[in-house]
């Protein structure tokens, strides 16, 4: 059985998922692929040690400090997606990489395939998919919404004038 807990962040509600020992999901409420990795039967259990540890991580993160630890996580998906997500864990706080750079580092010729894996990341923030940008620094897609991606990058101070922020309604 899987378990859930809820966290109120400055950017909105966050739902956490666990197998009882490790974190298996962390989503902004309502984001794309929300709770995809959870068992159909799961129950709210906010006092689990993994959730208490993750709440501490989130508190540090939203206070603007790059947490110096990662709660135990389990990645549930294909080997390819897991490889992409493990690589995301290596992107330092406050820095970005492009989909192309990420694909190249994985020995993958398709930035689009890498983008699909990034988009299905079940551990938003912990596995920092918001730090992946398009060619030339364009801010493309984010399952939690482009507005949250912009705020997260600003909070981490990695937004610079060479990143392209699309206007509302503009394709991204």
N, C-alpha and C. Protein backbone atom coordinates (compact mmCIF):
# COMPACT_ATOMS: atom_id res chain seq x y z
N UNK A 1 0.84 -1.18 0.00
CA UNK A 1 0.00 0.00 0.00
C UNK A 1 0.89 1.24 0.00
N UNK A 2 0.44 2.26 -0.73
CA UNK A 2 1.13 3.54 -0.76
C UNK A 2 0.43 4.52 0.18
N UNK A 3 1.17 5.59 0.52
CA UNK A 3 0.68 6.57 1.47
C UNK A 3 0.87 7.97 0.89
N UNK A 4 0.07 8.91 1.36
CA UNK A 4 0.17 10.28 0.91
C UNK A 4 0.21 11.24 2.09
N UNK A 5 0.66 12.43 1.81
CA UNK A 5 0.64 13.53 2.76
C UNK A 5 0.53 14.81 1.95
N UNK A 6 0.18 15.89 2.60
CA UNK A 6 0.00 17.16 1.92
C UNK A 6 0.89 18.22 2.55
N UNK A 7 1.41 19.11 1.70
CA UNK A 7 2.28 20.20 2.14
C UNK A 7 1.77 21.49 1.50
N UNK A 8 1.63 22.54 2.28
CA UNK A 8 1.22 23.84 1.75
C UNK A 8 2.47 24.66 1.46
N UNK A 9 2.76 24.86 0.18
CA UNK A 9 3.95 25.61 -0.22
C UNK A 9 3.54 27.03 -0.62
N UNK A 10 4.51 27.93 -0.74
CA UNK A 10 4.20 29.28 -1.23
C UNK A 10 3.65 29.29 -2.66
N UNK A 11 3.84 28.19 -3.39
CA UNK A 11 3.36 28.10 -4.77
C UNK A 11 2.09 27.25 -4.90
N UNK A 12 1.52 26.84 -3.78
CA UNK A 12 0.31 26.03 -3.79
C UNK A 12 0.52 24.69 -3.13
N UNK A 13 -0.56 23.93 -3.08
CA UNK A 13 -0.52 22.62 -2.43
C UNK A 13 0.38 21.63 -3.15
N UNK A 14 1.01 20.79 -2.35
CA UNK A 14 1.87 19.73 -2.87
C UNK A 14 1.41 18.43 -2.23
N UNK A 15 1.26 17.40 -3.04
CA UNK A 15 0.94 16.06 -2.54
C UNK A 15 2.19 15.21 -2.63
N UNK A 16 2.48 14.50 -1.56
CA UNK A 16 3.63 13.60 -1.49
C UNK A 16 3.11 12.17 -1.48
N UNK A 17 3.85 11.26 -2.11
CA UNK A 17 3.51 9.85 -2.12
C UNK A 17 4.68 9.03 -1.62
N UNK A 18 4.39 7.95 -0.91
CA UNK A 18 5.44 7.08 -0.38
C UNK A 18 4.99 5.63 -0.40
N UNK A 19 5.98 4.74 -0.46
CA UNK A 19 5.71 3.31 -0.31
C UNK A 19 5.79 2.90 1.16
N UNK A 20 5.97 3.86 2.04
CA UNK A 20 6.08 3.62 3.47
C UNK A 20 7.49 3.84 3.99
N UNK A 21 8.47 3.74 3.09
CA UNK A 21 9.87 3.93 3.47
C UNK A 21 10.55 5.04 2.69
N UNK A 22 10.23 5.14 1.40
CA UNK A 22 10.86 6.12 0.52
C UNK A 22 9.80 6.96 -0.17
N UNK A 23 10.23 8.10 -0.67
CA UNK A 23 9.36 8.98 -1.42
C UNK A 23 9.25 8.43 -2.85
N UNK A 24 8.02 8.30 -3.36
CA UNK A 24 7.82 7.83 -4.73
C UNK A 24 7.19 8.91 -5.60
N UNK A 25 6.69 9.97 -4.97
CA UNK A 25 6.07 11.04 -5.73
C UNK A 25 5.98 12.33 -4.94
N UNK A 26 6.06 13.43 -5.67
CA UNK A 26 5.87 14.76 -5.10
C UNK A 26 5.37 15.62 -6.24
N UNK A 27 4.12 16.07 -6.13
CA UNK A 27 3.48 16.80 -7.22
C UNK A 27 2.81 18.06 -6.70
N UNK A 28 2.87 19.13 -7.51
CA UNK A 28 1.98 20.26 -7.25
C UNK A 28 0.58 19.75 -7.51
N UNK A 29 -0.35 20.08 -6.64
CA UNK A 29 -1.71 19.58 -6.78
C UNK A 29 -2.26 19.93 -8.16
N UNK A 30 -2.76 18.92 -8.86
CA UNK A 30 -3.37 19.10 -10.16
C UNK A 30 -2.43 19.13 -11.35
N UNK A 31 -1.12 18.97 -11.13
CA UNK A 31 -0.20 19.02 -12.27
C UNK A 31 -0.39 17.82 -13.17
N UNK A 32 0.17 17.89 -14.38
CA UNK A 32 0.10 16.76 -15.31
C UNK A 32 0.69 15.52 -14.64
N UNK A 33 0.10 14.38 -14.94
CA UNK A 33 0.56 13.08 -14.46
C UNK A 33 0.52 12.98 -12.93
N UNK A 34 -0.33 13.80 -12.32
CA UNK A 34 -0.51 13.85 -10.88
C UNK A 34 -0.84 12.46 -10.34
N UNK A 35 -0.08 12.00 -9.43
CA UNK A 35 -0.22 10.73 -8.70
C UNK A 35 -0.17 9.48 -9.59
N UNK A 36 0.40 9.57 -10.78
CA UNK A 36 0.48 8.42 -11.69
C UNK A 36 1.13 7.19 -11.07
N UNK A 37 2.12 7.37 -10.20
CA UNK A 37 2.86 6.23 -9.68
C UNK A 37 2.26 5.64 -8.40
N UNK A 38 1.20 6.24 -7.88
CA UNK A 38 0.59 5.72 -6.65
C UNK A 38 -0.31 4.53 -6.93
N UNK A 39 -0.33 3.59 -5.99
CA UNK A 39 -1.31 2.51 -6.05
C UNK A 39 -2.70 3.12 -6.04
N UNK A 40 -3.66 2.44 -6.67
CA UNK A 40 -5.04 2.93 -6.66
C UNK A 40 -5.53 3.09 -5.21
N UNK A 41 -5.15 2.14 -4.38
CA UNK A 41 -5.51 2.19 -2.95
C UNK A 41 -4.34 2.81 -2.19
N UNK A 42 -4.55 3.99 -1.65
CA UNK A 42 -3.53 4.62 -0.82
C UNK A 42 -4.23 5.41 0.27
N UNK A 43 -3.49 5.68 1.33
CA UNK A 43 -4.13 6.42 2.41
C UNK A 43 -3.22 7.53 2.93
N UNK A 44 -3.86 8.56 3.46
CA UNK A 44 -3.16 9.71 4.03
C UNK A 44 -2.48 9.28 5.33
N UNK A 45 -1.17 9.56 5.42
CA UNK A 45 -0.40 9.17 6.61
C UNK A 45 0.74 10.18 6.80
N UNK A 46 0.42 11.46 7.16
CA UNK A 46 1.44 12.51 7.19
C UNK A 46 2.54 12.33 8.23
N UNK A 47 2.35 11.45 9.20
CA UNK A 47 3.37 11.30 10.26
C UNK A 47 4.47 10.29 9.91
N UNK A 48 4.40 9.68 8.73
CA UNK A 48 5.47 8.76 8.33
C UNK A 48 6.82 9.48 8.37
N UNK A 49 7.87 8.83 8.87
CA UNK A 49 9.19 9.48 8.91
C UNK A 49 9.65 10.04 7.57
N UNK A 50 9.36 9.36 6.46
CA UNK A 50 9.78 9.87 5.15
C UNK A 50 9.09 11.19 4.83
N UNK A 51 7.84 11.34 5.25
CA UNK A 51 7.14 12.59 5.00
C UNK A 51 7.69 13.70 5.91
N UNK A 52 7.96 13.39 7.16
CA UNK A 52 8.54 14.38 8.07
C UNK A 52 9.87 14.87 7.52
N UNK A 53 10.70 13.96 7.01
CA UNK A 53 11.99 14.34 6.42
C UNK A 53 11.79 15.18 5.16
N UNK A 54 10.82 14.83 4.34
CA UNK A 54 10.55 15.58 3.12
C UNK A 54 9.97 16.96 3.43
N UNK A 55 9.14 17.06 4.47
CA UNK A 55 8.64 18.37 4.89
C UNK A 55 9.82 19.28 5.26
N UNK A 56 10.82 18.72 5.95
CA UNK A 56 12.00 19.49 6.33
C UNK A 56 12.75 19.95 5.07
N UNK A 57 12.89 19.03 4.09
CA UNK A 57 13.54 19.37 2.82
C UNK A 57 12.78 20.52 2.14
N UNK A 58 11.45 20.41 2.08
CA UNK A 58 10.64 21.44 1.44
C UNK A 58 10.74 22.77 2.18
N UNK A 59 10.73 22.73 3.51
CA UNK A 59 10.89 23.96 4.29
C UNK A 59 12.20 24.66 3.92
N UNK A 60 13.29 23.91 3.89
CA UNK A 60 14.59 24.48 3.53
C UNK A 60 14.57 25.03 2.11
N UNK A 61 13.99 24.26 1.19
CA UNK A 61 13.94 24.68 -0.20
C UNK A 61 13.19 26.00 -0.34
N UNK A 62 12.00 26.09 0.25
CA UNK A 62 11.19 27.30 0.10
C UNK A 62 11.69 28.47 0.94
N UNK A 63 12.62 28.22 1.84
CA UNK A 63 13.29 29.31 2.55
C UNK A 63 14.45 29.87 1.71
N UNK A 64 14.66 29.29 0.52
CA UNK A 64 15.68 29.78 -0.38
C UNK A 64 17.05 29.17 -0.16
N UNK A 65 17.09 28.11 0.62
CA UNK A 65 18.37 27.42 0.85
C UNK A 65 18.33 26.14 0.03
N UNK A 66 19.40 25.82 -0.62
CA UNK A 66 19.48 24.55 -1.34
C UNK A 66 19.67 23.45 -0.30
N UNK A 67 18.66 22.61 -0.08
CA UNK A 67 18.81 21.55 0.92
C UNK A 67 20.07 20.72 0.66
N UNK A 68 20.76 20.37 1.71
CA UNK A 68 22.02 19.63 1.61
C UNK A 68 21.82 18.12 1.73
N UNK A 69 20.59 17.66 1.57
CA UNK A 69 20.29 16.24 1.63
C UNK A 69 19.14 15.95 0.69
N UNK A 70 19.00 14.71 0.32
CA UNK A 70 17.86 14.26 -0.48
C UNK A 70 17.17 13.16 0.29
N UNK A 71 15.87 13.29 0.53
CA UNK A 71 15.16 12.20 1.21
C UNK A 71 15.28 10.91 0.39
N UNK A 72 15.19 9.76 1.03
CA UNK A 72 15.22 8.50 0.26
C UNK A 72 14.10 8.49 -0.79
N UNK A 73 14.47 8.13 -2.02
CA UNK A 73 13.49 8.09 -3.11
C UNK A 73 13.54 6.75 -3.82
N UNK A 74 12.42 6.40 -4.43
CA UNK A 74 12.33 5.23 -5.31
C UNK A 74 11.72 5.73 -6.61
N UNK A 75 12.39 5.44 -7.72
CA UNK A 75 11.90 5.83 -9.03
C UNK A 75 11.19 4.64 -9.66
N UNK A 76 9.92 4.82 -10.00
CA UNK A 76 9.11 3.75 -10.58
C UNK A 76 8.78 4.07 -12.03
N UNK A 77 9.50 3.49 -12.96
CA UNK A 77 9.19 3.66 -14.38
C UNK A 77 10.23 2.91 -15.19
N UNK A 78 10.28 3.17 -16.48
CA UNK A 78 11.22 2.48 -17.37
C UNK A 78 12.66 2.82 -17.02
N UNK A 79 13.58 1.97 -17.46
CA UNK A 79 15.00 2.22 -17.22
C UNK A 79 15.43 3.55 -17.84
N UNK A 80 14.93 3.86 -19.02
CA UNK A 80 15.30 5.11 -19.68
C UNK A 80 14.87 6.31 -18.85
N UNK A 81 13.60 6.33 -18.43
CA UNK A 81 13.13 7.46 -17.63
C UNK A 81 13.91 7.57 -16.32
N UNK A 82 14.18 6.44 -15.70
CA UNK A 82 14.94 6.48 -14.45
C UNK A 82 16.34 7.05 -14.68
N UNK A 83 16.96 6.71 -15.81
CA UNK A 83 18.30 7.25 -16.12
C UNK A 83 18.23 8.77 -16.28
N UNK A 84 17.20 9.25 -16.96
CA UNK A 84 17.03 10.70 -17.13
C UNK A 84 16.84 11.36 -15.77
N UNK A 85 15.98 10.79 -14.94
CA UNK A 85 15.70 11.39 -13.63
C UNK A 85 16.94 11.38 -12.73
N UNK A 86 17.73 10.32 -12.80
CA UNK A 86 18.97 10.29 -12.00
C UNK A 86 19.92 11.40 -12.46
N UNK A 87 19.94 11.66 -13.76
CA UNK A 87 20.78 12.73 -14.28
C UNK A 87 20.28 14.09 -13.79
N UNK A 88 18.95 14.26 -13.71
CA UNK A 88 18.39 15.52 -13.20
C UNK A 88 18.86 15.80 -11.78
N UNK A 89 19.01 14.74 -11.00
CA UNK A 89 19.47 14.91 -9.61
C UNK A 89 20.86 15.53 -9.53
N UNK A 90 21.61 15.48 -10.63
CA UNK A 90 22.97 16.02 -10.65
C UNK A 90 23.03 17.50 -11.02
N UNK A 91 21.90 18.09 -11.41
CA UNK A 91 21.90 19.52 -11.76
C UNK A 91 21.94 20.32 -10.46
N UNK A 92 22.99 21.10 -10.27
CA UNK A 92 23.11 21.86 -9.01
C UNK A 92 22.00 22.90 -8.83
N UNK A 93 21.67 23.13 -7.58
CA UNK A 93 20.73 24.18 -7.19
C UNK A 93 21.17 25.50 -7.83
N UNK A 94 20.22 26.19 -8.46
CA UNK A 94 20.53 27.49 -9.05
C UNK A 94 21.13 27.44 -10.43
N UNK A 95 21.24 26.25 -11.04
CA UNK A 95 21.80 26.14 -12.39
C UNK A 95 20.79 25.46 -13.31
N UNK A 96 20.98 25.64 -14.60
CA UNK A 96 20.10 25.01 -15.59
C UNK A 96 20.93 24.28 -16.63
N UNK A 97 20.29 23.34 -17.31
CA UNK A 97 20.86 22.68 -18.49
C UNK A 97 19.77 22.65 -19.55
N UNK A 98 20.17 22.48 -20.80
CA UNK A 98 19.18 22.37 -21.87
C UNK A 98 18.82 20.90 -22.08
N UNK A 99 17.69 20.70 -22.74
CA UNK A 99 17.29 19.34 -23.08
C UNK A 99 18.36 18.68 -23.94
N UNK A 100 18.94 19.45 -24.86
CA UNK A 100 20.01 18.92 -25.72
C UNK A 100 21.22 18.50 -24.92
N UNK A 101 21.66 19.34 -23.98
CA UNK A 101 22.80 18.98 -23.13
C UNK A 101 22.49 17.72 -22.32
N UNK A 102 21.28 17.64 -21.81
CA UNK A 102 20.88 16.48 -21.03
C UNK A 102 20.90 15.22 -21.90
N UNK A 103 20.35 15.32 -23.10
CA UNK A 103 20.35 14.17 -24.03
C UNK A 103 21.78 13.75 -24.34
N UNK A 104 22.63 14.73 -24.64
CA UNK A 104 24.04 14.43 -24.96
C UNK A 104 24.73 13.72 -23.79
N UNK A 105 24.48 14.19 -22.58
CA UNK A 105 25.13 13.58 -21.41
C UNK A 105 24.68 12.15 -21.17
N UNK A 106 23.51 11.80 -21.71
CA UNK A 106 22.98 10.44 -21.59
C UNK A 106 23.33 9.58 -22.79
N UNK A 107 23.99 10.18 -23.79
CA UNK A 107 24.30 9.44 -25.01
C UNK A 107 23.07 9.18 -25.84
N UNK A 108 22.07 10.03 -25.71
CA UNK A 108 20.80 9.89 -26.41
C UNK A 108 20.75 10.93 -27.53
N UNK A 109 20.35 10.52 -28.72
CA UNK A 109 20.29 11.44 -29.85
C UNK A 109 19.02 12.28 -29.87
N UNK A 110 18.02 11.91 -29.06
CA UNK A 110 16.74 12.59 -29.11
C UNK A 110 16.46 13.43 -27.87
N UNK A 111 16.59 14.73 -28.03
CA UNK A 111 16.24 15.64 -26.93
C UNK A 111 14.74 15.54 -26.65
N UNK A 112 13.96 15.20 -27.69
CA UNK A 112 12.52 15.07 -27.52
C UNK A 112 12.18 13.89 -26.60
N UNK A 113 12.88 12.76 -26.76
CA UNK A 113 12.66 11.60 -25.89
C UNK A 113 13.03 11.95 -24.45
N UNK A 114 14.13 12.67 -24.30
CA UNK A 114 14.55 13.11 -22.96
C UNK A 114 13.50 14.05 -22.39
N UNK A 115 12.96 14.96 -23.22
CA UNK A 115 11.92 15.87 -22.78
C UNK A 115 10.68 15.14 -22.29
N UNK A 116 10.32 14.06 -22.98
CA UNK A 116 9.17 13.26 -22.53
C UNK A 116 9.41 12.66 -21.17
N UNK A 117 10.62 12.17 -20.93
CA UNK A 117 10.95 11.60 -19.63
C UNK A 117 10.95 12.68 -18.55
N UNK A 118 11.52 13.84 -18.87
CA UNK A 118 11.55 14.95 -17.92
C UNK A 118 10.11 15.33 -17.54
N UNK A 119 9.24 15.39 -18.52
CA UNK A 119 7.84 15.78 -18.28
C UNK A 119 7.07 14.81 -17.41
N UNK A 120 7.50 13.56 -17.36
CA UNK A 120 6.81 12.56 -16.54
C UNK A 120 7.47 12.35 -15.18
N UNK A 121 8.40 13.20 -14.81
CA UNK A 121 9.08 13.11 -13.53
C UNK A 121 8.05 13.12 -12.39
N UNK A 122 8.01 12.07 -11.56
CA UNK A 122 7.04 12.02 -10.47
C UNK A 122 7.51 12.71 -9.19
N UNK A 123 8.73 13.22 -9.17
CA UNK A 123 9.28 13.80 -7.95
C UNK A 123 9.67 15.26 -8.17
N UNK A 124 8.69 16.06 -8.56
CA UNK A 124 8.90 17.49 -8.78
C UNK A 124 9.67 18.09 -7.62
N UNK A 125 10.56 19.00 -7.91
CA UNK A 125 11.43 19.71 -6.96
C UNK A 125 12.56 18.83 -6.47
N UNK A 126 12.28 17.66 -5.92
CA UNK A 126 13.33 16.77 -5.42
C UNK A 126 14.22 16.35 -6.60
N UNK A 127 13.59 15.88 -7.68
CA UNK A 127 14.28 15.62 -8.94
C UNK A 127 13.99 16.86 -9.79
N UNK A 128 14.95 17.78 -9.88
CA UNK A 128 14.68 19.15 -10.34
C UNK A 128 14.48 19.34 -11.84
N UNK A 129 13.36 18.86 -12.34
CA UNK A 129 13.08 18.99 -13.77
C UNK A 129 12.86 20.45 -14.18
N UNK A 130 12.55 21.32 -13.23
CA UNK A 130 12.36 22.74 -13.56
C UNK A 130 13.67 23.40 -13.98
N UNK A 131 14.80 22.74 -13.75
CA UNK A 131 16.11 23.29 -14.12
C UNK A 131 16.51 22.96 -15.56
N UNK A 132 15.60 22.32 -16.30
CA UNK A 132 15.88 21.99 -17.70
C UNK A 132 15.17 23.01 -18.58
N UNK A 133 15.93 23.62 -19.48
CA UNK A 133 15.40 24.67 -20.36
C UNK A 133 15.62 24.29 -21.81
N UNK A 134 14.96 25.00 -22.68
CA UNK A 134 15.11 24.76 -24.11
C UNK A 134 16.36 25.40 -24.67
N UNK A 135 16.57 25.18 -25.96
CA UNK A 135 17.72 25.76 -26.67
C UNK A 135 17.71 27.26 -26.50
N UNK A 136 18.88 27.83 -26.26
CA UNK A 136 18.99 29.27 -26.08
C UNK A 136 18.40 29.76 -24.77
N UNK A 137 18.10 28.83 -23.87
CA UNK A 137 17.56 29.22 -22.56
C UNK A 137 16.07 29.44 -22.54
N UNK A 138 15.35 29.03 -23.60
CA UNK A 138 13.90 29.24 -23.61
C UNK A 138 13.25 28.39 -22.52
N UNK A 139 12.24 28.96 -21.89
CA UNK A 139 11.52 28.24 -20.84
C UNK A 139 10.38 27.47 -21.49
N UNK A 140 10.58 26.19 -21.61
CA UNK A 140 9.59 25.34 -22.25
C UNK A 140 9.01 24.41 -21.20
N UNK A 141 7.78 24.02 -21.40
CA UNK A 141 7.06 23.06 -20.61
C UNK A 141 7.49 22.80 -19.18
N UNK A 142 6.52 22.55 -18.35
CA UNK A 142 6.72 22.12 -16.97
C UNK A 142 5.39 21.57 -16.51
N UNK A 143 5.39 20.34 -16.03
CA UNK A 143 4.13 19.68 -15.66
C UNK A 143 3.37 20.47 -14.60
N UNK A 144 4.08 21.22 -13.77
CA UNK A 144 3.43 22.03 -12.74
C UNK A 144 2.95 23.38 -13.25
N UNK A 145 3.26 23.70 -14.52
CA UNK A 145 2.87 24.98 -15.11
C UNK A 145 4.07 25.89 -15.28
N UNK A 146 4.15 26.56 -16.42
CA UNK A 146 5.29 27.41 -16.73
C UNK A 146 5.44 28.54 -15.70
N UNK A 147 4.31 29.01 -15.15
CA UNK A 147 4.38 30.07 -14.14
C UNK A 147 5.15 29.60 -12.91
N UNK A 148 4.94 28.35 -12.50
CA UNK A 148 5.68 27.81 -11.35
C UNK A 148 7.16 27.62 -11.70
N UNK A 149 7.43 27.19 -12.93
CA UNK A 149 8.82 27.01 -13.35
C UNK A 149 9.57 28.33 -13.25
N UNK A 150 8.96 29.40 -13.74
CA UNK A 150 9.58 30.72 -13.68
C UNK A 150 9.85 31.11 -12.22
N UNK A 151 8.86 30.93 -11.35
CA UNK A 151 9.03 31.29 -9.94
C UNK A 151 10.11 30.45 -9.27
N UNK A 152 10.16 29.16 -9.58
CA UNK A 152 11.19 28.29 -8.99
C UNK A 152 12.58 28.72 -9.43
N UNK A 153 12.74 29.02 -10.72
CA UNK A 153 14.05 29.45 -11.21
C UNK A 153 14.44 30.81 -10.64
N UNK A 154 13.46 31.70 -10.49
CA UNK A 154 13.75 33.00 -9.87
C UNK A 154 14.17 32.80 -8.41
N UNK A 155 13.45 31.94 -7.70
CA UNK A 155 13.77 31.67 -6.31
C UNK A 155 15.19 31.11 -6.18
N UNK A 156 15.57 30.26 -7.12
CA UNK A 156 16.92 29.68 -7.10
C UNK A 156 17.94 30.64 -7.72
N UNK A 157 17.49 31.78 -8.20
CA UNK A 157 18.34 32.81 -8.79
C UNK A 157 19.07 32.32 -10.05
N UNK A 158 18.46 31.38 -10.76
CA UNK A 158 19.11 30.89 -11.98
C UNK A 158 18.50 31.52 -13.23
N UNK A 159 17.50 32.38 -13.05
CA UNK A 159 16.94 33.07 -14.21
C UNK A 159 17.85 34.23 -14.57
N UNK A 160 18.24 34.29 -15.79
CA UNK A 160 19.07 35.41 -16.25
C UNK A 160 18.47 35.97 -17.53
N UNK A 161 19.01 37.08 -17.98
CA UNK A 161 18.45 37.72 -19.16
C UNK A 161 18.60 36.87 -20.41
N UNK A 162 19.45 35.83 -20.38
CA UNK A 162 19.59 35.02 -21.59
C UNK A 162 18.56 33.88 -21.65
N UNK A 163 17.66 33.82 -20.67
CA UNK A 163 16.56 32.86 -20.74
C UNK A 163 15.37 33.56 -21.38
N UNK A 164 14.66 32.84 -22.24
CA UNK A 164 13.50 33.40 -22.92
C UNK A 164 12.25 32.99 -22.18
N UNK A 165 11.51 33.97 -21.67
CA UNK A 165 10.26 33.71 -20.97
C UNK A 165 9.12 34.05 -21.92
N UNK A 166 8.32 33.03 -22.31
CA UNK A 166 7.24 33.31 -23.25
C UNK A 166 6.17 34.19 -22.62
N UNK A 167 5.55 35.02 -23.43
CA UNK A 167 4.44 35.84 -22.96
C UNK A 167 3.23 34.93 -22.82
N UNK A 168 2.26 35.35 -22.01
CA UNK A 168 1.03 34.57 -21.86
C UNK A 168 0.42 34.33 -23.23
N UNK A 169 0.02 33.09 -23.46
CA UNK A 169 -0.59 32.72 -24.72
C UNK A 169 0.39 32.37 -25.82
N UNK A 170 1.67 32.68 -25.62
CA UNK A 170 2.69 32.37 -26.62
C UNK A 170 3.08 30.91 -26.48
N UNK A 171 3.32 30.24 -27.57
CA UNK A 171 3.70 28.83 -27.54
C UNK A 171 5.00 28.66 -26.76
N UNK A 172 5.07 27.57 -25.99
CA UNK A 172 6.30 27.25 -25.26
C UNK A 172 6.51 25.78 -25.16
